[in-house]
Amino acid sequence: MRFSINLATRSYIDQRLLNRIIALAMVVLVLLLGWNVARISWNLGEQGRLDSEVRAFETNLNARPGGISEHDFTRQQARVRFFNEIIDRKGTDWMRVLDLVETVTPEGIALAAFTPGKKNGELKLDGRARSFDVVRRYVENLEGSKLFSDVLLLSHQEMIVGEHGRGVRFLITCKVQF
């Protein structure tokens, strides 16, 4: 008699061990999920507590301390605002701004004054040109550049230079996109 063994029908994977491993992995993942949910809820509570403390500190800082008159307190706040504006203006990279203005300034334009405006990024350009066409080209260059916005020609007037020379004086405001 000849016996043949069919190896294809035999199961070589231990199903009980595999089920135990899967169940253990699921328990570990559920524990990690619970720990993460607890940590997130604790963090949200902590953030709320810190926000309320920050608001309390801000109200204490903005409140007038005892023994100081209202006039002195408002004057001191105005001085602090003034100095904060100066610090903000000093934070501007003026060499970069000058380079940006130089790249869009066409031939025939002479800038006489270059002053920052009250708002951050605002510029006033006072200059001279040989003709209004050059001024128009300058305004178009500023508007066409992605670095300048809100370009506005405030004024222009013809001026006489010498006996036979003519020119145009202009004032332009714009905002620089840093």
Protein backbone atom coordinates (compact mmCIF):
# COMPACT_ATOMS: atom_id res chain seq x y z
CA MET A 1 0.00 0.00 0.00
CA ARG A 2 1.10 3.40 -0.88
CA PHE A 3 0.35 6.38 1.36
CA SER A 4 0.50 9.91 -0.04
CA ILE A 5 0.54 12.96 2.12
CA ASN A 6 -1.10 16.11 0.84
CA LEU A 7 0.78 19.01 2.43
CA ALA A 8 -1.46 21.68 0.88
CA THR A 9 -4.42 20.93 3.13
CA ARG A 10 -2.57 21.27 6.37
CA SER A 11 -2.73 24.60 8.24
CA TYR A 12 0.71 25.85 9.25
CA ILE A 13 -0.40 29.15 10.91
CA ASP A 14 -1.36 28.97 14.53
CA GLN A 15 -4.72 30.79 14.49
CA ARG A 16 -4.96 31.03 18.29
CA LEU A 17 -1.56 32.72 18.55
CA LEU A 18 -2.40 35.11 15.72
CA ASN A 19 -5.72 36.05 17.36
CA ARG A 20 -3.97 36.68 20.69
CA ILE A 21 -1.40 38.95 19.02
CA ILE A 22 -4.12 40.91 17.20
CA ALA A 23 -6.15 41.25 20.43
CA LEU A 24 -3.06 42.43 22.33
CA ALA A 25 -2.26 44.98 19.60
CA MET A 26 -5.84 46.30 19.71
CA VAL A 27 -5.70 46.64 23.51
CA VAL A 28 -2.40 48.54 23.26
CA LEU A 29 -3.84 50.85 20.55
CA VAL A 30 -6.99 51.52 22.64
CA LEU A 31 -4.81 52.36 25.64
CA LEU A 32 -2.70 54.73 23.50
CA LEU A 33 -5.88 56.33 22.14
CA GLY A 34 -7.19 56.89 25.67
CA TRP A 35 -3.87 58.35 26.80
CA ASN A 36 -3.80 60.73 23.79
CA VAL A 37 -7.40 61.85 24.39
CA ALA A 38 -6.61 62.52 28.05
CA ARG A 39 -3.46 64.43 27.14
CA ILE A 40 -5.30 66.57 24.54
CA SER A 41 -8.11 67.40 26.98
CA TRP A 42 -5.56 68.30 29.68
CA ASN A 43 -3.69 70.52 27.18
CA LEU A 44 -6.91 72.30 26.19
CA GLY A 45 -7.71 72.94 29.84
CA GLU A 46 -4.20 74.21 30.44
CA GLN A 47 -4.43 76.50 27.40
CA GLY A 48 -7.69 77.95 28.69
CA ARG A 49 -6.15 78.55 32.11
CA LEU A 50 -3.10 80.24 30.55
CA ASP A 51 -5.30 82.42 28.33
CA SER A 52 -7.26 83.62 31.36
CA GLU A 53 -4.01 84.39 33.21
CA VAL A 54 -2.67 86.34 30.20
CA ARG A 55 -5.89 88.38 30.06
CA ALA A 56 -5.61 89.08 33.80
CA PHE A 57 -2.01 90.24 33.41
CA GLU A 58 -2.94 92.46 30.45
CA THR A 59 -5.74 94.12 32.38
CA ASN A 60 -3.35 94.71 35.29
CA LEU A 61 -0.76 96.22 32.94
CA ASN A 62 -3.29 98.47 31.20
CA ALA A 63 -4.91 99.62 34.43
CA ARG A 64 -3.74 102.83 36.00
CA PRO A 65 -1.70 102.15 39.12
CA GLY A 66 -2.72 103.84 42.36
CA GLY A 67 -1.23 107.22 43.18
CA ILE A 68 -0.81 108.31 39.53
CA SER A 69 -3.13 110.86 37.97
CA GLU A 70 -5.07 110.04 34.82
CA HIS A 71 -3.26 112.79 32.91
CA ASP A 72 0.18 111.40 33.77
CA PHE A 73 -0.91 107.87 32.94
CA THR A 74 -2.27 108.78 29.48
CA ARG A 75 0.84 110.87 28.77
CA GLN A 76 3.07 107.92 29.69
CA GLN A 77 1.04 105.57 27.47
CA ALA A 78 1.39 108.02 24.57
CA ARG A 79 5.17 108.11 25.08
CA VAL A 80 5.32 104.31 25.13
CA ARG A 81 3.31 104.14 21.87
CA PHE A 82 5.63 106.73 20.29
CA PHE A 83 8.77 104.80 21.22
CA ASN A 84 7.22 101.52 20.06
CA GLU A 85 6.58 103.12 16.66
CA ILE A 86 10.22 104.22 16.50
CA ILE A 87 11.36 100.70 17.33
CA ASP A 88 9.09 99.29 14.61
CA ARG A 89 10.49 101.74 12.07
CA LYS A 90 14.06 100.85 13.02
CA GLY A 91 13.20 97.23 12.30
CA THR A 92 12.77 98.00 8.58
CA ASP A 93 15.63 96.98 6.29
CA TRP A 94 16.04 100.34 4.52
CA MET A 95 18.87 99.15 2.29
CA ARG A 96 16.53 96.52 0.85
CA VAL A 97 13.80 99.13 0.36
CA LEU A 98 16.27 101.41 -1.44
CA ASP A 99 17.30 98.51 -3.69
CA LEU A 100 13.64 97.77 -4.49
CA VAL A 101 12.97 101.41 -5.40
CA GLU A 102 16.12 101.56 -7.49
CA THR A 103 15.12 98.50 -9.54
CA VAL A 104 11.86 100.10 -10.71
CA THR A 105 13.14 103.68 -11.17
CA PRO A 106 13.62 104.43 -14.87
CA GLU A 107 16.28 106.65 -16.41
CA GLY A 108 15.42 110.34 -16.13
CA ILE A 109 13.96 110.25 -12.60
CA ALA A 110 15.71 111.98 -9.70
CA LEU A 111 14.27 111.32 -6.25
CA ALA A 112 14.59 114.37 -4.02
CA ALA A 113 12.92 112.94 -0.89
CA PHE A 114 12.26 109.43 0.27
CA THR A 115 10.15 109.44 3.45
CA PRO A 116 8.36 106.63 5.27
CA GLY A 117 4.69 107.17 5.98
CA LYS A 118 2.86 106.79 9.27
CA LYS A 119 1.79 103.22 8.52
CA ASN A 120 4.23 100.35 8.25
CA GLY A 121 5.49 99.84 4.68
CA GLU A 122 4.15 103.17 3.38
CA LEU A 123 6.51 105.38 1.35
CA LYS A 124 6.35 108.91 -0.05
CA LEU A 125 8.55 109.57 -3.07
CA ASP A 126 9.19 113.20 -4.00
CA GLY A 127 11.12 113.58 -7.21
CA ARG A 128 11.93 115.41 -10.41
CA ALA A 129 11.72 114.25 -14.02
CA ARG A 130 12.42 115.67 -17.44
CA SER A 131 8.89 115.13 -18.71
CA PHE A 132 5.54 113.81 -17.59
CA ASP A 133 6.00 110.74 -19.82
CA VAL A 134 8.91 109.66 -17.61
CA VAL A 135 6.74 110.14 -14.50
CA ARG A 136 3.96 108.09 -16.13
CA ARG A 137 6.44 105.31 -16.93
CA TYR A 138 7.69 105.41 -13.32
CA VAL A 139 4.15 105.04 -11.94
CA GLU A 140 3.53 102.16 -14.37
CA ASN A 141 6.77 100.46 -13.24
CA LEU A 142 5.72 100.79 -9.60
CA GLU A 143 2.24 99.44 -10.33
CA GLY A 144 3.62 96.60 -12.45
CA SER A 145 6.00 95.46 -9.74
CA LYS A 146 4.72 92.83 -7.30
CA LEU A 147 6.68 94.53 -4.53
CA PHE A 148 4.70 97.79 -4.54
CA SER A 149 0.97 98.28 -4.05
CA ASP A 150 -1.46 101.17 -3.65
CA VAL A 151 0.60 103.39 -5.95
CA LEU A 152 -0.90 106.87 -6.11
CA LEU A 153 0.39 109.97 -7.90
CA LEU A 154 -0.58 112.70 -5.44
CA SER A 155 0.67 115.73 -7.33
CA HIS A 156 2.71 116.83 -10.29
CA GLN A 157 3.58 120.29 -11.53
CA GLU A 158 5.72 121.69 -14.25
CA MET A 159 8.78 123.63 -13.18
CA ILE A 160 11.28 125.76 -15.03
CA VAL A 161 14.95 124.90 -14.65
CA GLY A 162 17.32 127.55 -15.98
CA GLU A 163 16.52 129.55 -19.15
CA HIS A 164 15.50 126.77 -21.50
CA GLY A 165 15.04 123.77 -19.21
CA ARG A 166 11.73 122.39 -18.11
CA GLY A 167 10.90 119.57 -15.79
CA VAL A 168 8.18 117.99 -13.70
CA ARG A 169 8.05 117.79 -9.94
CA PHE A 170 5.95 114.91 -8.57
CA LEU A 171 4.86 113.25 -5.35
CA ILE A 172 3.97 109.54 -5.22
CA THR A 173 2.80 107.39 -2.31
CA CYS A 174 2.93 103.62 -2.30
CA LYS A 175 3.19 100.61 0.00
CA VAL A 176 6.15 98.24 -0.06
CA GLN A 177 5.47 94.51 0.22
CA PHE A 178 8.37 93.04 2.19
